[in-house]
N, C-alpha and C. Protein backbone atom coordinates (compact mmCIF):
# COMPACT_ATOMS: atom_id res chain seq x y z
N MET A 1 186.82 145.52 11.44
CA MET A 1 187.12 144.33 12.19
C MET A 1 187.18 144.61 13.70
N GLN A 2 187.04 143.56 14.33
CA GLN A 2 186.97 143.70 15.82
C GLN A 2 188.34 143.38 16.35
N GLU A 3 188.79 144.15 17.25
CA GLU A 3 190.10 143.95 17.84
C GLU A 3 189.98 142.99 19.01
N ILE A 4 190.94 142.09 19.09
CA ILE A 4 190.99 141.18 20.19
C ILE A 4 191.88 141.76 21.30
N ILE A 5 191.32 141.89 22.41
CA ILE A 5 192.12 142.54 23.53
C ILE A 5 192.64 141.34 24.34
N HIS A 6 193.95 141.34 24.46
CA HIS A 6 194.60 140.29 25.19
C HIS A 6 194.87 140.76 26.60
N ASN A 7 194.12 140.26 27.52
CA ASN A 7 194.26 140.63 28.91
C ASN A 7 194.71 139.41 29.70
N PRO A 8 195.72 139.44 30.43
CA PRO A 8 196.23 138.24 31.14
C PRO A 8 195.25 137.73 32.10
N LYS A 9 194.47 138.56 32.80
CA LYS A 9 193.48 138.10 33.76
C LYS A 9 192.35 137.34 33.09
N VAL A 10 191.90 137.81 31.94
CA VAL A 10 190.85 137.16 31.16
C VAL A 10 191.37 135.85 30.66
N ALA A 11 192.59 135.76 30.12
CA ALA A 11 193.19 134.55 29.63
C ALA A 11 193.28 133.52 30.75
N HIS A 12 193.75 133.98 31.95
CA HIS A 12 193.86 133.09 33.07
C HIS A 12 192.50 132.55 33.45
N ALA A 13 191.51 133.38 33.55
CA ALA A 13 190.17 132.97 33.90
C ALA A 13 189.58 131.99 32.89
N ALA A 14 189.80 132.25 31.62
CA ALA A 14 189.39 131.34 30.54
C ALA A 14 190.06 129.99 30.66
N GLY A 15 191.36 129.94 31.02
CA GLY A 15 192.05 128.71 31.20
C GLY A 15 191.53 127.94 32.35
N VAL A 16 191.23 128.64 33.51
CA VAL A 16 190.65 127.97 34.65
C VAL A 16 189.28 127.40 34.29
N VAL A 17 188.47 128.17 33.60
CA VAL A 17 187.13 127.67 33.23
C VAL A 17 187.24 126.47 32.36
N TYR A 18 188.17 126.50 31.39
CA TYR A 18 188.43 125.38 30.45
C TYR A 18 188.85 124.11 31.22
N ARG A 19 189.80 124.26 32.16
CA ARG A 19 190.23 123.12 32.96
C ARG A 19 189.11 122.57 33.84
N MET A 20 188.30 123.42 34.38
CA MET A 20 187.17 123.01 35.22
C MET A 20 186.18 122.25 34.39
N ARG A 21 185.89 122.72 33.16
CA ARG A 21 184.95 122.02 32.27
C ARG A 21 185.52 120.64 31.93
N ARG A 22 186.83 120.57 31.64
CA ARG A 22 187.43 119.26 31.34
C ARG A 22 187.31 118.27 32.50
N ARG A 23 187.54 118.77 33.72
CA ARG A 23 187.52 117.94 34.90
C ARG A 23 186.05 117.46 35.14
N ILE A 24 185.15 118.36 34.99
CA ILE A 24 183.74 118.03 35.19
C ILE A 24 183.30 116.99 34.15
N ALA A 25 183.67 117.18 32.91
CA ALA A 25 183.33 116.25 31.85
C ALA A 25 183.98 114.91 32.07
N THR A 26 185.24 114.89 32.51
CA THR A 26 185.90 113.61 32.82
C THR A 26 185.16 112.91 33.96
N ALA A 27 184.85 113.69 35.00
CA ALA A 27 184.15 113.07 36.13
C ALA A 27 182.81 112.53 35.71
N MET A 28 182.08 113.21 34.89
CA MET A 28 180.79 112.77 34.35
C MET A 28 180.92 111.55 33.54
N ALA A 29 181.96 111.51 32.73
CA ALA A 29 182.22 110.28 31.90
C ALA A 29 182.54 109.05 32.80
N ILE A 30 183.27 109.24 33.86
CA ILE A 30 183.60 108.21 34.78
C ILE A 30 182.34 107.67 35.49
N VAL A 31 181.54 108.67 35.95
CA VAL A 31 180.23 108.32 36.60
C VAL A 31 179.35 107.52 35.68
N LEU A 32 179.24 107.98 34.42
CA LEU A 32 178.43 107.30 33.44
C LEU A 32 178.94 105.89 33.18
N ALA A 33 180.33 105.75 33.04
CA ALA A 33 180.87 104.40 32.80
C ALA A 33 180.60 103.47 33.99
N LEU A 34 180.76 104.02 35.22
CA LEU A 34 180.45 103.21 36.41
C LEU A 34 178.95 102.80 36.51
N PHE A 35 178.11 103.73 36.14
CA PHE A 35 176.64 103.43 36.12
C PHE A 35 176.33 102.34 35.11
N LEU A 36 176.86 102.46 33.92
CA LEU A 36 176.62 101.50 32.86
C LEU A 36 177.21 100.10 33.21
N GLY A 37 178.43 100.17 33.82
CA GLY A 37 179.07 98.88 34.22
C GLY A 37 178.25 98.21 35.30
N TYR A 38 177.77 98.94 36.25
CA TYR A 38 176.88 98.41 37.29
C TYR A 38 175.67 97.78 36.73
N HIS A 39 175.02 98.56 35.78
CA HIS A 39 173.82 98.07 35.11
C HIS A 39 174.03 96.80 34.33
N VAL A 40 175.18 96.70 33.65
CA VAL A 40 175.50 95.51 32.85
C VAL A 40 175.67 94.28 33.72
N VAL A 41 176.24 94.44 34.92
CA VAL A 41 176.50 93.30 35.78
C VAL A 41 175.26 92.99 36.63
N PHE A 42 174.66 94.03 37.26
CA PHE A 42 173.62 93.78 38.26
C PHE A 42 172.21 94.20 37.78
N GLY A 43 172.05 94.66 36.58
CA GLY A 43 170.76 95.17 36.13
C GLY A 43 169.74 94.05 35.90
N GLN A 44 168.57 94.44 35.46
CA GLN A 44 167.49 93.49 35.28
C GLN A 44 167.85 92.42 34.26
N ASN A 45 168.61 92.77 33.27
CA ASN A 45 169.00 91.73 32.27
C ASN A 45 170.55 91.66 32.29
N GLY A 46 171.14 91.87 33.41
CA GLY A 46 172.59 91.87 33.51
C GLY A 46 173.17 90.43 33.60
N ILE A 47 174.48 90.43 33.79
CA ILE A 47 175.22 89.14 33.82
C ILE A 47 174.73 88.28 34.99
N THR A 48 174.44 88.90 36.08
CA THR A 48 173.94 88.09 37.23
C THR A 48 172.58 87.49 36.90
N ALA A 49 171.68 88.17 36.32
CA ALA A 49 170.44 87.61 35.99
C ALA A 49 170.58 86.58 34.92
N TYR A 50 171.47 86.77 33.99
CA TYR A 50 171.73 85.83 32.91
C TYR A 50 172.23 84.49 33.51
N GLN A 51 173.17 84.57 34.48
CA GLN A 51 173.65 83.33 35.08
C GLN A 51 172.59 82.64 35.88
N GLN A 52 171.71 83.37 36.54
CA GLN A 52 170.65 82.73 37.30
C GLN A 52 169.63 82.04 36.30
N LYS A 53 169.39 82.71 35.16
CA LYS A 53 168.48 82.10 34.15
C LYS A 53 169.07 80.86 33.57
N ARG A 54 170.38 80.85 33.36
CA ARG A 54 171.06 79.63 32.84
C ARG A 54 170.98 78.50 33.83
N LEU A 55 171.17 78.78 35.12
CA LEU A 55 171.04 77.73 36.21
C LEU A 55 169.60 77.24 36.22
N GLU A 56 168.66 78.12 36.22
CA GLU A 56 167.25 77.73 36.21
C GLU A 56 166.94 76.89 35.00
N ASP A 57 167.46 77.21 33.82
CA ASP A 57 167.28 76.49 32.62
C ASP A 57 167.79 75.07 32.74
N ARG A 58 169.07 74.94 33.32
CA ARG A 58 169.59 73.57 33.49
C ARG A 58 168.75 72.76 34.44
N GLU A 59 168.25 73.34 35.56
CA GLU A 59 167.42 72.63 36.47
C GLU A 59 166.08 72.20 35.79
N LEU A 60 165.49 73.09 35.00
CA LEU A 60 164.29 72.72 34.31
C LEU A 60 164.46 71.65 33.26
N GLN A 61 165.63 71.70 32.53
CA GLN A 61 165.92 70.68 31.59
C GLN A 61 166.07 69.28 32.26
N LYS A 62 166.69 69.31 33.44
CA LYS A 62 166.84 68.06 34.26
C LYS A 62 165.52 67.58 34.65
N GLN A 63 164.59 68.45 35.09
CA GLN A 63 163.24 68.05 35.48
C GLN A 63 162.49 67.46 34.31
N ILE A 64 162.63 68.10 33.15
CA ILE A 64 161.94 67.68 31.92
C ILE A 64 162.43 66.27 31.59
N GLN A 65 163.78 65.98 31.68
CA GLN A 65 164.33 64.69 31.37
C GLN A 65 163.75 63.64 32.34
N GLU A 66 163.73 64.00 33.65
CA GLU A 66 163.20 63.06 34.63
C GLU A 66 161.73 62.75 34.39
N LEU A 67 160.94 63.79 34.05
CA LEU A 67 159.53 63.55 33.76
C LEU A 67 159.29 62.76 32.55
N GLN A 68 160.14 62.94 31.48
CA GLN A 68 160.02 62.13 30.28
C GLN A 68 160.31 60.68 30.60
N GLU A 69 161.36 60.44 31.42
CA GLU A 69 161.68 59.06 31.77
C GLU A 69 160.55 58.41 32.60
N GLU A 70 159.99 59.21 33.54
CA GLU A 70 158.82 58.74 34.32
C GLU A 70 157.64 58.39 33.39
N ASN A 71 157.41 59.29 32.42
CA ASN A 71 156.30 59.15 31.49
C ASN A 71 156.48 57.84 30.69
N ALA A 72 157.71 57.66 30.29
CA ALA A 72 157.98 56.42 29.47
C ALA A 72 157.73 55.15 30.31
N ARG A 73 158.18 55.15 31.60
CA ARG A 73 157.92 54.07 32.52
C ARG A 73 156.45 53.78 32.71
N MET A 74 155.70 54.92 32.90
CA MET A 74 154.24 54.76 33.03
C MET A 74 153.57 54.26 31.84
N LYS A 75 154.01 54.68 30.65
CA LYS A 75 153.45 54.19 29.40
C LYS A 75 153.68 52.73 29.24
N GLU A 76 154.84 52.26 29.63
CA GLU A 76 155.19 50.84 29.59
C GLU A 76 154.33 50.06 30.57
N HIS A 77 154.13 50.59 31.73
CA HIS A 77 153.27 49.97 32.73
C HIS A 77 151.84 49.88 32.25
N VAL A 78 151.32 50.97 31.67
CA VAL A 78 150.01 50.97 31.10
C VAL A 78 149.85 49.91 30.02
N ASP A 79 150.87 49.88 29.17
CA ASP A 79 150.83 48.88 28.08
C ASP A 79 150.81 47.41 28.63
N HIS A 80 151.60 47.19 29.71
CA HIS A 80 151.50 45.89 30.30
C HIS A 80 150.17 45.53 30.89
N LEU A 81 149.60 46.57 31.49
CA LEU A 81 148.25 46.36 32.13
C LEU A 81 147.20 46.14 31.08
N GLN A 82 147.37 46.71 29.89
CA GLN A 82 146.36 46.56 28.86
C GLN A 82 146.48 45.24 28.11
N ASN A 83 147.73 44.75 28.04
CA ASN A 83 147.94 43.57 27.19
C ASN A 83 148.42 42.29 27.88
N ASP A 84 148.85 42.38 29.12
CA ASP A 84 149.40 41.23 29.83
C ASP A 84 148.53 40.80 30.94
N PRO A 85 147.85 39.65 30.85
CA PRO A 85 146.95 39.20 31.90
C PRO A 85 147.66 38.99 33.22
N ASP A 86 148.94 38.55 33.19
CA ASP A 86 149.69 38.33 34.42
C ASP A 86 149.90 39.64 35.15
N ALA A 87 150.14 40.73 34.40
CA ALA A 87 150.37 42.08 35.00
C ALA A 87 149.05 42.55 35.61
N ILE A 88 147.93 42.28 34.94
CA ILE A 88 146.63 42.71 35.48
C ILE A 88 146.35 41.98 36.80
N GLU A 89 146.61 40.67 36.78
CA GLU A 89 146.41 39.88 38.04
C GLU A 89 147.36 40.40 39.14
N HIS A 90 148.54 40.64 38.81
CA HIS A 90 149.49 41.09 39.85
C HIS A 90 149.05 42.43 40.41
N GLU A 91 148.59 43.32 39.61
CA GLU A 91 148.14 44.66 40.06
C GLU A 91 146.93 44.50 40.92
N ALA A 92 145.97 43.62 40.55
CA ALA A 92 144.77 43.38 41.33
C ALA A 92 145.10 42.75 42.63
N ARG A 93 146.03 41.85 42.69
CA ARG A 93 146.46 41.23 44.00
C ARG A 93 147.16 42.21 44.84
N GLU A 94 148.01 43.01 44.28
CA GLU A 94 148.86 43.94 45.06
C GLU A 94 148.01 45.09 45.60
N ARG A 95 147.31 45.76 44.76
CA ARG A 95 146.60 46.96 45.21
C ARG A 95 145.24 46.69 45.82
N LEU A 96 144.50 45.80 45.27
CA LEU A 96 143.14 45.57 45.70
C LEU A 96 143.02 44.37 46.66
N HIS A 97 144.13 43.69 46.89
CA HIS A 97 144.18 42.51 47.76
C HIS A 97 143.21 41.46 47.33
N TYR A 98 143.06 41.31 46.01
CA TYR A 98 142.22 40.18 45.50
C TYR A 98 142.96 38.84 45.70
N THR A 99 142.09 37.85 45.84
CA THR A 99 142.66 36.49 46.01
C THR A 99 141.96 35.52 45.14
N ARG A 100 142.59 34.44 44.83
CA ARG A 100 141.89 33.40 44.14
C ARG A 100 141.07 32.55 45.15
N PRO A 101 140.12 31.83 44.70
CA PRO A 101 139.30 31.02 45.68
C PRO A 101 140.25 30.09 46.46
N GLY A 102 140.12 30.12 47.73
CA GLY A 102 140.88 29.26 48.60
C GLY A 102 142.12 29.85 49.13
N GLU A 103 142.53 31.03 48.66
CA GLU A 103 143.76 31.73 49.17
C GLU A 103 143.32 32.65 50.32
N VAL A 104 144.28 32.83 51.24
CA VAL A 104 144.06 33.78 52.32
C VAL A 104 145.24 34.70 52.33
N ILE A 105 144.94 35.98 52.64
CA ILE A 105 145.99 37.00 52.73
C ILE A 105 146.17 37.43 54.21
N TYR A 106 147.43 37.38 54.66
CA TYR A 106 147.72 37.81 56.02
C TYR A 106 148.49 39.12 55.98
N THR A 107 148.06 40.08 56.72
CA THR A 107 148.77 41.38 56.73
C THR A 107 149.28 41.60 58.15
N LEU A 108 150.49 42.11 58.29
CA LEU A 108 151.12 42.30 59.55
C LEU A 108 150.72 43.66 60.19
N ASN A 109 150.62 44.66 59.37
CA ASN A 109 150.19 45.96 59.82
C ASN A 109 148.89 46.32 59.06
N GLY A 110 147.82 45.85 59.59
CA GLY A 110 146.54 45.95 58.90
C GLY A 110 145.75 47.22 59.21
N LYS A 111 146.40 48.27 59.69
CA LYS A 111 145.70 49.49 60.09
C LYS A 111 145.02 50.12 58.86
N ASN A 112 145.71 50.21 57.68
CA ASN A 112 145.18 50.90 56.58
C ASN A 112 144.76 49.94 55.43
N ALA A 113 144.96 48.68 55.66
CA ALA A 113 144.68 47.71 54.60
C ALA A 113 143.22 47.39 54.50
N PRO A 114 142.67 47.35 53.26
CA PRO A 114 141.27 47.02 53.13
C PRO A 114 141.02 45.54 53.43
N ALA A 115 139.79 45.21 53.72
CA ALA A 115 139.42 43.83 53.96
C ALA A 115 139.63 43.03 52.70
N PRO A 116 140.05 41.75 52.79
CA PRO A 116 140.30 40.89 51.65
C PRO A 116 138.99 40.70 50.89
N ALA A 117 139.09 40.72 49.60
CA ALA A 117 137.92 40.50 48.71
C ALA A 117 138.24 39.30 47.80
N SER A 118 137.21 38.63 47.40
CA SER A 118 137.36 37.49 46.44
C SER A 118 137.19 37.97 45.05
N LYS A 119 137.81 37.33 44.22
CA LYS A 119 137.76 37.66 42.78
C LYS A 119 136.52 37.10 42.12
């Protein structure tokens, strides 16, 4: 068997080395925890990015809702133009400045207005 020599200097040095290893390991664990915490909050898929994506999602959902409402209004307008003669006449008078025989259109700011045309 091998004899264990108990030397106070060796024991003291071993204790110092053990304490240093513990301190270094604790410091490394703290650094790792701080790094992971920073990554969780500010990383590419962190909490900050998640909150920005949620805000962007809400804005896009709002835009989708507005576009769907506008689409519904346009479909209704197209339906009126396809089926309602009065709507067709109103559109022709408004946009194309068409008139019925004997009618005259007066424009106050005629810079961009086309010349009156007869139906």
